[in-house]
Amino acid sequence: LGHVKSVAISKDSRFLVSGGSDSKVKLWDMATNELITHSIIIQVPLESLLLNFIGEVNAVAISENNSYIISGSNDYNMRVFSMEQLEPIESMTYSFDGNKI
């Protein structure tokens, strides 16, 4: 278990996404208070959940139309996930000083 480092709520308040020191991004249903996924995982079959990072997840966001989850972590990666299919669609690495992607 880890500590929650970042939280975002969708514009319509239907979803909450959290990122934490356990290197996981979690998606929650705000109406039922239930966890939709335990984590988003990239290199494991998608039935497994959402995604494990190498570093802590320090930033999360949900797009205005609830189509994407965006996350950033200590491993210098930003990732974009499809909310509908809960799978990664883009990954970017940024430099230590934040000047290059």
PDB file of N, CA and C in Angstrom:
ATOM      1  N   LEU A   1       0.829  -1.191   0.000  1.00  0.00           N
ATOM      2  CA  LEU A   1       0.000   0.000   0.000  1.00  0.00           C
ATOM      3  C   LEU A   1       0.863   1.240   0.000  1.00  0.00           C
ATOM      4  N   GLY A   2       0.368   2.274  -0.643  1.00  0.00           N
ATOM      5  CA  GLY A   2       1.109   3.519  -0.698  1.00  0.00           C
ATOM      6  C   GLY A   2       0.229   4.693  -0.326  1.00  0.00           C
ATOM      7  N   HIS A   3       0.831   5.852  -0.364  1.00  0.00           N
ATOM      8  CA  HIS A   3       0.119   7.086  -0.069  1.00  0.00           C
ATOM      9  C   HIS A   3      -0.383   7.708  -1.357  1.00  0.00           C
ATOM     10  N   VAL A   4      -1.548   8.319  -1.303  1.00  0.00           N
ATOM     11  CA  VAL A   4      -2.094   9.022  -2.457  1.00  0.00           C
ATOM     12  C   VAL A   4      -1.302  10.309  -2.639  1.00  0.00           C
ATOM     13  N   LYS A   5      -0.811  10.541  -3.852  1.00  0.00           N
ATOM     14  CA  LYS A   5      -0.005  11.720  -4.170  1.00  0.00           C
ATOM     15  C   LYS A   5      -0.769  12.740  -5.015  1.00  0.00           C
ATOM     16  N   SER A   6      -1.790  12.258  -5.757  1.00  0.00           N
ATOM     17  CA  SER A   6      -2.520  13.143  -6.653  1.00  0.00           C
ATOM     18  C   SER A   6      -3.922  12.589  -6.895  1.00  0.00           C
ATOM     19  N   VAL A   7      -4.885  13.503  -7.026  1.00  0.00           N
ATOM     20  CA  VAL A   7      -6.280  13.119  -7.263  1.00  0.00           C
ATOM     21  C   VAL A   7      -6.877  14.078  -8.284  1.00  0.00           C
ATOM     22  N   ALA A   8      -7.716  13.556  -9.169  1.00  0.00           N
ATOM     23  CA  ALA A   8      -8.472  14.394 -10.105  1.00  0.00           C
ATOM     24  C   ALA A   8      -9.900  13.867 -10.170  1.00  0.00           C
ATOM     25  N   ILE A   9     -10.843  14.778 -10.273  1.00  0.00           N
ATOM     26  CA  ILE A   9     -12.261  14.425 -10.400  1.00  0.00           C
ATOM     27  C   ILE A   9     -12.733  14.910 -11.764  1.00  0.00           C
ATOM     28  N   SER A  10     -13.492  14.054 -12.444  1.00  0.00           N
ATOM     29  CA  SER A  10     -13.994  14.435 -13.765  1.00  0.00           C
ATOM     30  C   SER A  10     -14.918  15.639 -13.653  1.00  0.00           C
ATOM     31  N   LYS A  11     -15.025  16.378 -14.748  1.00  0.00           N
ATOM     32  CA  LYS A  11     -15.831  17.605 -14.777  1.00  0.00           C
ATOM     33  C   LYS A  11     -17.278  17.342 -14.367  1.00  0.00           C
ATOM     34  N   ASP A  12     -17.815  16.176 -14.735  1.00  0.00           N
ATOM     35  CA  ASP A  12     -19.194  15.833 -14.389  1.00  0.00           C
ATOM     36  C   ASP A  12     -19.307  15.102 -13.053  1.00  0.00           C
ATOM     37  N   SER A  13     -18.200  14.966 -12.345  1.00  0.00           N
ATOM     38  CA  SER A  13     -18.131  14.323 -11.019  1.00  0.00           C
ATOM     39  C   SER A  13     -18.492  12.841 -11.022  1.00  0.00           C
ATOM     40  N   ARG A  14     -18.418  12.187 -12.175  1.00  0.00           N
ATOM     41  CA  ARG A  14     -18.711  10.749 -12.247  1.00  0.00           C
ATOM     42  C   ARG A  14     -17.529   9.892 -11.848  1.00  0.00           C
ATOM     43  N   PHE A  15     -16.302  10.386 -12.102  1.00  0.00           N
ATOM     44  CA  PHE A  15     -15.107   9.587 -11.870  1.00  0.00           C
ATOM     45  C   PHE A  15     -14.079  10.335 -11.028  1.00  0.00           C
ATOM     46  N   LEU A  16     -13.295   9.565 -10.316  1.00  0.00           N
ATOM     47  CA  LEU A  16     -12.130  10.075  -9.603  1.00  0.00           C
ATOM     48  C   LEU A  16     -10.957   9.199  -9.999  1.00  0.00           C
ATOM     49  N   VAL A  17      -9.830   9.809 -10.278  1.00  0.00           N
ATOM     50  CA  VAL A  17      -8.615   9.056 -10.576  1.00  0.00           C
ATOM     51  C   VAL A  17      -7.565   9.476  -9.551  1.00  0.00           C
ATOM     52  N   SER A  18      -6.811   8.487  -9.056  1.00  0.00           N
ATOM     53  CA  SER A  18      -5.771   8.788  -8.068  1.00  0.00           C
ATOM     54  C   SER A  18      -4.453   8.183  -8.506  1.00  0.00           C
ATOM     55  N   GLY A  19      -3.375   8.810  -8.087  1.00  0.00           N
ATOM     56  CA  GLY A  19      -2.028   8.310  -8.334  1.00  0.00           C
ATOM     57  C   GLY A  19      -1.282   8.325  -7.017  1.00  0.00           C
ATOM     58  N   GLY A  20      -0.378   7.362  -6.822  1.00  0.00           N
ATOM     59  CA  GLY A  20       0.254   7.306  -5.520  1.00  0.00           C
ATOM     60  C   GLY A  20       1.665   6.788  -5.466  1.00  0.00           C
ATOM     61  N   SER A  21       2.147   6.709  -4.235  1.00  0.00           N
ATOM     62  CA  SER A  21       3.511   6.244  -3.992  1.00  0.00           C
ATOM     63  C   SER A  21       3.667   4.755  -4.265  1.00  0.00           C
ATOM     64  N   ASP A  22       2.547   4.043  -4.456  1.00  0.00           N
ATOM     65  CA  ASP A  22       2.605   2.625  -4.817  1.00  0.00           C
ATOM     66  C   ASP A  22       2.799   2.438  -6.325  1.00  0.00           C
ATOM     67  N   SER A  23       3.029   3.541  -7.047  1.00  0.00           N
ATOM     68  CA  SER A  23       3.276   3.541  -8.496  1.00  0.00           C
ATOM     69  C   SER A  23       2.064   3.127  -9.314  1.00  0.00           C
ATOM     70  N   LYS A  24       0.875   3.353  -8.783  1.00  0.00           N
ATOM     71  CA  LYS A  24      -0.343   2.940  -9.483  1.00  0.00           C
ATOM     72  C   LYS A  24      -1.271   4.116  -9.738  1.00  0.00           C
ATOM     73  N   VAL A  25      -2.013   4.006 -10.839  1.00  0.00           N
ATOM     74  CA  VAL A  25      -3.112   4.909 -11.154  1.00  0.00           C
ATOM     75  C   VAL A  25      -4.388   4.113 -10.947  1.00  0.00           C
ATOM     76  N   LYS A  26      -5.322   4.668 -10.168  1.00  0.00           N
ATOM     77  CA  LYS A  26      -6.573   3.963  -9.880  1.00  0.00           C
ATOM     78  C   LYS A  26      -7.757   4.807 -10.308  1.00  0.00           C
ATOM     79  N   LEU A  27      -8.774   4.145 -10.846  1.00  0.00           N
ATOM     80  CA  LEU A  27      -9.980   4.805 -11.324  1.00  0.00           C
ATOM     81  C   LEU A  27     -11.156   4.385 -10.451  1.00  0.00           C
ATOM     82  N   TRP A  28     -11.913   5.378  -9.981  1.00  0.00           N
ATOM     83  CA  TRP A  28     -13.029   5.153  -9.059  1.00  0.00           C
ATOM     84  C   TRP A  28     -14.333   5.664  -9.657  1.00  0.00           C
ATOM     85  N   ASP A  29     -15.441   4.978  -9.338  1.00  0.00           N
ATOM     86  CA  ASP A  29     -16.783   5.413  -9.704  1.00  0.00           C
ATOM     87  C   ASP A  29     -17.312   6.244  -8.536  1.00  0.00           C
ATOM     88  N   MET A  30     -17.559   7.527  -8.750  1.00  0.00           N
ATOM     89  CA  MET A  30     -17.983   8.410  -7.657  1.00  0.00           C
ATOM     90  C   MET A  30     -19.409   8.122  -7.186  1.00  0.00           C
ATOM     91  N   ALA A  31     -20.259   7.585  -8.055  1.00  0.00           N
ATOM     92  CA  ALA A  31     -21.648   7.307  -7.661  1.00  0.00           C
ATOM     93  C   ALA A  31     -21.729   6.140  -6.685  1.00  0.00           C
ATOM     94  N   THR A  32     -20.875   5.133  -6.897  1.00  0.00           N
ATOM     95  CA  THR A  32     -20.925   3.939  -6.055  1.00  0.00           C
ATOM     96  C   THR A  32     -19.776   3.872  -5.048  1.00  0.00           C
ATOM     97  N   ASN A  33     -18.804   4.800  -5.187  1.00  0.00           N
ATOM     98  CA  ASN A  33     -17.586   4.790  -4.361  1.00  0.00           C
ATOM     99  C   ASN A  33     -16.788   3.509  -4.530  1.00  0.00           C
ATOM    100  N   GLU A  34     -16.938   2.858  -5.679  1.00  0.00           N
ATOM    101  CA  GLU A  34     -16.226   1.604  -5.927  1.00  0.00           C
ATOM    102  C   GLU A  34     -15.033   1.828  -6.843  1.00  0.00           C
ATOM    103  N   LEU A  35     -14.016   1.025  -6.613  1.00  0.00           N
ATOM    104  CA  LEU A  35     -12.828   1.040  -7.441  1.00  0.00           C
ATOM    105  C   LEU A  35     -13.143   0.329  -8.755  1.00  0.00           C
ATOM    106  N   ILE A  36     -12.976   1.026  -9.874  1.00  0.00           N
ATOM    107  CA  ILE A  36     -13.215   0.427 -11.184  1.00  0.00           C
ATOM    108  C   ILE A  36     -12.025  -0.429 -11.575  1.00  0.00           C
ATOM    109  N   THR A  37     -10.817   0.043 -11.278  1.00  0.00           N
ATOM    110  CA  THR A  37      -9.592  -0.702 -11.552  1.00  0.00           C
ATOM    111  C   THR A  37      -8.667  -0.576 -10.353  1.00  0.00           C
ATOM    112  N   HIS A  38      -7.884  -1.580 -10.104  1.00  0.00           N
ATOM    113  CA  HIS A  38      -6.910  -1.513  -9.024  1.00  0.00           C
ATOM    114  C   HIS A  38      -5.664  -0.771  -9.450  1.00  0.00           C
ATOM    115  N   SER A  39      -5.295  -0.888 -10.690  1.00  0.00           N
ATOM    116  CA  SER A  39      -4.200  -0.106 -11.265  1.00  0.00           C
ATOM    117  C   SER A  39      -4.219  -0.294 -12.770  1.00  0.00           C
ATOM    118  N   ILE A  40      -3.610   0.659 -13.472  1.00  0.00           N
ATOM    119  CA  ILE A  40      -3.507   0.553 -14.924  1.00  0.00           C
ATOM    120  C   ILE A  40      -2.175  -0.123 -15.206  1.00  0.00           C
ATOM    121  N   ILE A  41      -2.189  -1.240 -15.911  1.00  0.00           N
ATOM    122  CA  ILE A  41      -0.959  -1.988 -16.153  1.00  0.00           C
ATOM    123  C   ILE A  41      -0.647  -1.997 -17.639  1.00  0.00           C
ATOM    124  N   ILE A  42       0.583  -1.660 -18.011  1.00  0.00           N
ATOM    125  CA  ILE A  42       0.966  -1.593 -19.425  1.00  0.00           C
ATOM    126  C   ILE A  42       1.452  -2.921 -19.971  1.00  0.00           C
ATOM    127  N   GLN A  43       2.318  -3.618 -19.273  1.00  0.00           N
ATOM    128  CA  GLN A  43       2.989  -4.775 -19.848  1.00  0.00           C
ATOM    129  C   GLN A  43       2.374  -6.101 -19.425  1.00  0.00           C
ATOM    130  N   VAL A  44       1.196  -6.069 -18.915  1.00  0.00           N
ATOM    131  CA  VAL A  44       0.481  -7.267 -18.487  1.00  0.00           C
ATOM    132  C   VAL A  44      -0.835  -7.241 -19.247  1.00  0.00           C
ATOM    133  N   PRO A  45      -1.483  -8.373 -19.491  1.00  0.00           N
ATOM    134  CA  PRO A  45      -2.765  -8.344 -20.204  1.00  0.00           C
ATOM    135  C   PRO A  45      -3.723  -7.326 -19.589  1.00  0.00           C
ATOM    136  N   LEU A  46      -4.471  -6.637 -20.424  1.00  0.00           N
ATOM    137  CA  LEU A  46      -5.305  -5.542 -19.944  1.00  0.00           C
ATOM    138  C   LEU A  46      -6.391  -5.981 -18.976  1.00  0.00           C
ATOM    139  N   GLU A  47      -6.726  -7.274 -18.977  1.00  0.00           N
ATOM    140  CA  GLU A  47      -7.689  -7.739 -17.984  1.00  0.00           C
ATOM    141  C   GLU A  47      -7.147  -7.488 -16.584  1.00  0.00           C
ATOM    142  N   SER A  48      -5.856  -7.289 -16.479  1.00  0.00           N
ATOM    143  CA  SER A  48      -5.214  -7.121 -15.190  1.00  0.00           C
ATOM    144  C   SER A  48      -5.497  -5.785 -14.525  1.00  0.00           C
ATOM    145  N   LEU A  49      -5.900  -4.762 -15.256  1.00  0.00           N
ATOM    146  CA  LEU A  49      -6.220  -3.484 -14.637  1.00  0.00           C
ATOM    147  C   LEU A  49      -5.733  -2.288 -15.420  1.00  0.00           C
ATOM    148  N   LEU A  50      -5.109  -1.257 -14.753  1.00  0.00           N
ATOM    149  CA  LEU A  50      -4.699  -0.056 -15.482  1.00  0.00           C
ATOM    150  C   LEU A  50      -3.179   0.058 -15.662  1.00  0.00           C
ATOM    151  N   LEU A  51      -2.377   0.633 -14.737  1.00  0.00           N
ATOM    152  CA  LEU A  51      -0.944   0.830 -15.056  1.00  0.00           C
ATOM    153  C   LEU A  51      -0.028   0.959 -13.858  1.00  0.00           C
ATOM    154  N   ASN A  52       1.061   0.214 -13.880  1.00  0.00           N
ATOM    155  CA  ASN A  52       2.113   0.356 -12.873  1.00  0.00           C
ATOM    156  C   ASN A  52       3.250   1.165 -13.453  1.00  0.00           C
ATOM    157  N   PHE A  53       3.708   2.128 -12.704  1.00  0.00           N
ATOM    158  CA  PHE A  53       4.872   2.911 -13.066  1.00  0.00           C
ATOM    159  C   PHE A  53       6.064   2.375 -12.296  1.00  0.00           C
ATOM    160  N   ILE A  54       7.251   2.816 -12.645  1.00  0.00           N
ATOM    161  CA  ILE A  54       8.440   2.484 -11.875  1.00  0.00           C
ATOM    162  C   ILE A  54       8.549   3.433 -10.697  1.00  0.00           C
ATOM    163  N   GLY A  55       8.204   4.706 -10.904  1.00  0.00           N
ATOM    164  CA  GLY A  55       8.272   5.708  -9.849  1.00  0.00           C
ATOM    165  C   GLY A  55       6.892   6.067  -9.342  1.00  0.00           C
ATOM    166  N   GLU A  56       6.864   6.872  -8.278  1.00  0.00           N
ATOM    167  CA  GLU A  56       5.595   7.331  -7.721  1.00  0.00           C
ATOM    168  C   GLU A  56       4.816   8.116  -8.774  1.00  0.00           C
ATOM    169  N   VAL A  57       3.501   7.999  -8.742  1.00  0.00           N
ATOM    170  CA  VAL A  57       2.649   8.779  -9.642  1.00  0.00           C
ATOM    171  C   VAL A  57       2.305  10.074  -8.920  1.00  0.00           C
ATOM    172  N   ASN A  58       2.821  11.186  -9.430  1.00  0.00           N
ATOM    173  CA  ASN A  58       2.667  12.478  -8.760  1.00  0.00           C
ATOM    174  C   ASN A  58       1.603  13.376  -9.366  1.00  0.00           C
ATOM    175  N   ALA A  59       1.110  13.038 -10.548  1.00  0.00           N
ATOM    176  CA  ALA A  59       0.129  13.895 -11.207  1.00  0.00           C
ATOM    177  C   ALA A  59      -0.846  13.046 -12.008  1.00  0.00           C
ATOM    178  N   VAL A  60      -2.134  13.371 -11.888  1.00  0.00           N
ATOM    179  CA  VAL A  60      -3.171  12.712 -12.681  1.00  0.00           C
ATOM    180  C   VAL A  60      -4.193  13.752 -13.115  1.00  0.00           C
ATOM    181  N   ALA A  61      -4.835  13.498 -14.250  1.00  0.00           N
ATOM    182  CA  ALA A  61      -5.884  14.377 -14.752  1.00  0.00           C
ATOM    183  C   ALA A  61      -6.849  13.554 -15.586  1.00  0.00           C
ATOM    184  N   ILE A  62      -8.073  14.054 -15.716  1.00  0.00           N
ATOM    185  CA  ILE A  62      -9.094  13.442 -16.565  1.00  0.00           C
ATOM    186  C   ILE A  62      -9.491  14.495 -17.593  1.00  0.00           C
ATOM    187  N   SER A  63      -9.545  14.103 -18.862  1.00  0.00           N
ATOM    188  CA  SER A  63      -9.934  15.057 -19.905  1.00  0.00           C
ATOM    189  C   SER A  63     -11.373  15.519 -19.675  1.00  0.00           C
ATOM    190  N   GLU A  64     -11.696  16.696 -20.212  1.00  0.00           N
ATOM    191  CA  GLU A  64     -13.025  17.279 -19.994  1.00  0.00           C
ATOM    192  C   GLU A  64     -14.159  16.394 -20.483  1.00  0.00           C
ATOM    193  N   ASN A  65     -13.925  15.600 -21.522  1.00  0.00           N
ATOM    194  CA  ASN A  65     -14.974  14.744 -22.079  1.00  0.00           C
ATOM    195  C   ASN A  65     -14.929  13.311 -21.528  1.00  0.00           C
ATOM    196  N   ASN A  66     -14.146  13.083 -20.467  1.00  0.00           N
ATOM    197  CA  ASN A  66     -14.013  11.757 -19.831  1.00  0.00           C
ATOM    198  C   ASN A  66     -13.476  10.698 -20.795  1.00  0.00           C
ATOM    199  N   SER A  67     -12.701  11.099 -21.785  1.00  0.00           N
ATOM    200  CA  SER A  67     -12.153  10.138 -22.735  1.00  0.00           C
ATOM    201  C   SER A  67     -10.770   9.639 -22.336  1.00  0.00           C
ATOM    202  N   TYR A  68     -10.022  10.471 -21.581  1.00  0.00           N
ATOM    203  CA  TYR A  68      -8.625  10.135 -21.298  1.00  0.00           C
ATOM    204  C   TYR A  68      -8.253  10.381 -19.835  1.00  0.00           C
ATOM    205  N   ILE A  69      -7.313   9.564 -19.362  1.00  0.00           N
ATOM    206  CA  ILE A  69      -6.630   9.794 -18.096  1.00  0.00           C
ATOM    207  C   ILE A  69      -5.185  10.120 -18.466  1.00  0.00           C
ATOM    208  N   ILE A  70      -4.645  11.176 -17.876  1.00  0.00           N
ATOM    209  CA  ILE A  70      -3.256  11.561 -18.111  1.00  0.00           C
ATOM    210  C   ILE A  70      -2.536  11.454 -16.771  1.00  0.00           C
ATOM    211  N   SER A  71      -1.336  10.886 -16.785  1.00  0.00           N
ATOM    212  CA  SER A  71      -0.595  10.722 -15.532  1.00  0.00           C
ATOM    213  C   SER A  71       0.882  11.033 -15.728  1.00  0.00           C
ATOM    214  N   GLY A  72       1.528  11.432 -14.654  1.00  0.00           N
ATOM    215  CA  GLY A  72       2.958  11.698 -14.670  1.00  0.00           C
ATOM    216  C   GLY A  72       3.594  11.111 -13.427  1.00  0.00           C
ATOM    217  N   SER A  73       4.831  10.630 -13.572  1.00  0.00           N
ATOM    218  CA  SER A  73       5.454   9.936 -12.449  1.00  0.00           C
ATOM    219  C   SER A  73       6.922  10.279 -12.287  1.00  0.00           C
ATOM    220  N   ASN A  74       7.507   9.797 -11.189  1.00  0.00           N
ATOM    221  CA  ASN A  74       8.920  10.011 -10.893  1.00  0.00           C
ATOM    222  C   ASN A  74       9.845   9.298 -11.865  1.00  0.00           C
ATOM    223  N   ASP A  75       9.339   8.393 -12.687  1.00  0.00           N
ATOM    224  CA  ASP A  75      10.201   7.723 -13.667  1.00  0.00           C
ATOM    225  C   ASP A  75      10.314   8.539 -14.958  1.00  0.00           C
ATOM    226  N   TYR A  76       9.923   9.828 -14.895  1.00  0.00           N
ATOM    227  CA  TYR A  76      10.017  10.772 -16.008  1.00  0.00           C
ATOM    228  C   TYR A  76       9.141  10.382 -17.187  1.00  0.00           C
ATOM    229  N   ASN A  77       8.008   9.767 -16.896  1.00  0.00           N
ATOM    230  CA  ASN A  77       7.066   9.394 -17.948  1.00  0.00           C
ATOM    231  C   ASN A  77       5.721  10.053 -17.719  1.00  0.00           C
ATOM    232  N   MET A  78       5.105  10.459 -18.827  1.00  0.00           N
ATOM    233  CA  MET A  78       3.713  10.888 -18.834  1.00  0.00           C
ATOM    234  C   MET A  78       2.987   9.859 -19.683  1.00  0.00           C
ATOM    235  N   ARG A  79       1.831   9.444 -19.225  1.00  0.00           N
ATOM    236  CA  ARG A  79       1.083   8.440 -19.984  1.00  0.00           C
ATOM    237  C   ARG A  79      -0.359   8.895 -20.154  1.00  0.00           C
ATOM    238  N   VAL A  80      -0.915   8.539 -21.313  1.00  0.00           N
ATOM    239  CA  VAL A  80      -2.309   8.845 -21.636  1.00  0.00           C
ATOM    240  C   VAL A  80      -3.025   7.525 -21.815  1.00  0.00           C
ATOM    241  N   PHE A  81      -4.186   7.397 -21.172  1.00  0.00           N
ATOM    242  CA  PHE A  81      -4.977   6.166 -21.212  1.00  0.00           C
ATOM    243  C   PHE A  81      -6.369   6.455 -21.734  1.00  0.00           C
ATOM    244  N   SER A  82      -6.923   5.502 -22.458  1.00  0.00           N
ATOM    245  CA  SER A  82      -8.313   5.563 -22.880  1.00  0.00           C
ATOM    246  C   SER A  82      -9.191   5.214 -21.691  1.00  0.00           C
ATOM    247  N   MET A  83     -10.144   6.078 -21.347  1.00  0.00           N
ATOM    248  CA  MET A  83     -11.064   5.779 -20.240  1.00  0.00           C
ATOM    249  C   MET A  83     -12.012   4.647 -20.624  1.00  0.00           C
ATOM    250  N   GLU A  84     -12.365   4.570 -21.892  1.00  0.00           N
ATOM    251  CA  GLU A  84     -13.324   3.560 -22.337  1.00  0.00           C
ATOM    252  C   GLU A  84     -12.739   2.157 -22.266  1.00  0.00           C
ATOM    253  N   GLN A  85     -11.512   1.996 -22.740  1.00  0.00           N
ATOM    254  CA  GLN A  85     -10.910   0.665 -22.796  1.00  0.00           C
ATOM    255  C   GLN A  85      -9.888   0.426 -21.700  1.00  0.00           C
ATOM    256  N   LEU A  86      -9.585   1.477 -20.906  1.00  0.00           N
ATOM    257  CA  LEU A  86      -8.608   1.388 -19.813  1.00  0.00           C
ATOM    258  C   LEU A  86      -7.284   0.801 -20.282  1.00  0.00           C
ATOM    259  N   GLU A  87      -6.819   1.322 -21.419  1.00  0.00           N
ATOM    260  CA  GLU A  87      -5.529   0.880 -21.924  1.00  0.00           C
ATOM    261  C   GLU A  87      -4.717   2.085 -22.361  1.00  0.00           C
ATOM    262  N   PRO A  88      -3.394   1.965 -22.287  1.00  0.00           N
ATOM    263  CA  PRO A  88      -2.537   3.091 -22.667  1.00  0.00           C
ATOM    264  C   PRO A  88      -2.597   3.354 -24.164  1.00  0.00           C
ATOM    265  N   ILE A  89      -2.591   4.639 -24.535  1.00  0.00           N
ATOM    266  CA  ILE A  89      -2.568   4.990 -25.946  1.00  0.00           C
ATOM    267  C   ILE A  89      -1.353   5.842 -26.287  1.00  0.00           C
ATOM    268  N   GLU A  90      -0.668   6.372 -25.279  1.00  0.00           N
ATOM    269  CA  GLU A  90       0.498   7.211 -25.526  1.00  0.00           C
ATOM    270  C   GLU A  90       1.385   7.231 -24.294  1.00  0.00           C
ATOM    271  N   SER A  91       2.679   7.272 -24.521  1.00  0.00           N
ATOM    272  CA  SER A  91       3.648   7.402 -23.434  1.00  0.00           C
ATOM    273  C   SER A  91       4.748   8.342 -23.894  1.00  0.00           C
ATOM    274  N   MET A  92       5.129   9.274 -23.043  1.00  0.00           N
ATOM    275  CA  MET A  92       6.184  10.222 -23.354  1.00  0.00           C
ATOM    276  C   MET A  92       7.158  10.262 -22.192  1.00  0.00           C
ATOM    277  N   THR A  93       8.426  10.390 -22.500  1.00  0.00           N
ATOM    278  CA  THR A  93       9.441  10.538 -21.472  1.00  0.00           C
ATOM    279  C   THR A  93       9.946  11.965 -21.535  1.00  0.00           C
ATOM    280  N   TYR A  94      10.107  12.580 -20.374  1.00  0.00           N
ATOM    281  CA  TYR A  94      10.624  13.941 -20.340  1.00  0.00           C
ATOM    282  C   TYR A  94      11.941  13.981 -19.602  1.00  0.00           C
ATOM    283  N   SER A  95      12.723  14.999 -19.906  1.00  0.00           N
ATOM    284  CA  SER A  95      14.066  15.117 -19.319  1.00  0.00           C
ATOM    285  C   SER A  95      13.980  15.543 -17.860  1.00  0.00           C
ATOM    286  N   PHE A  96      15.049  15.295 -17.138  1.00  0.00           N
ATOM    287  CA  PHE A  96      15.129  15.615 -15.715  1.00  0.00           C
ATOM    288  C   PHE A  96      14.808  17.088 -15.458  1.00  0.00           C
ATOM    289  N   ASP A  97      15.285  17.978 -16.323  1.00  0.00           N
ATOM    290  CA  ASP A  97      15.037  19.416 -16.121  1.00  0.00           C
ATOM    291  C   ASP A  97      13.694  19.858 -16.673  1.00  0.00           C
ATOM    292  N   GLY A  98      12.949  18.934 -17.299  1.00  0.00           N
ATOM    293  CA  GLY A  98      11.617  19.246 -17.808  1.00  0.00           C
ATOM    294  C   GLY A  98      11.606  20.011 -19.115  1.00  0.00           C
ATOM    295  N   ASN A  99      12.761  20.186 -19.742  1.00  0.00           N
ATOM    296  CA  ASN A  99      12.838  20.977 -20.975  1.00  0.00           C
ATOM    297  C   ASN A  99      12.610  20.175 -22.245  1.00  0.00           C
ATOM    298  N   LYS A 100      12.658  18.853 -22.185  1.00  0.00           N
ATOM    299  CA  LYS A 100      12.519  18.037 -23.396  1.00  0.00           C
ATOM    300  C   LYS A 100      11.539  16.894 -23.171  1.00  0.00           C
ATOM    301  N   ILE A 101      10.770  16.597 -24.222  1.00  0.00           N
ATOM    302  CA  ILE A 101       9.878  15.442 -24.188  1.00  0.00           C
ATOM    303  C   ILE A 101      10.356  14.476 -25.243  1.00  0.00           C
TER     304      ILE A 101
END
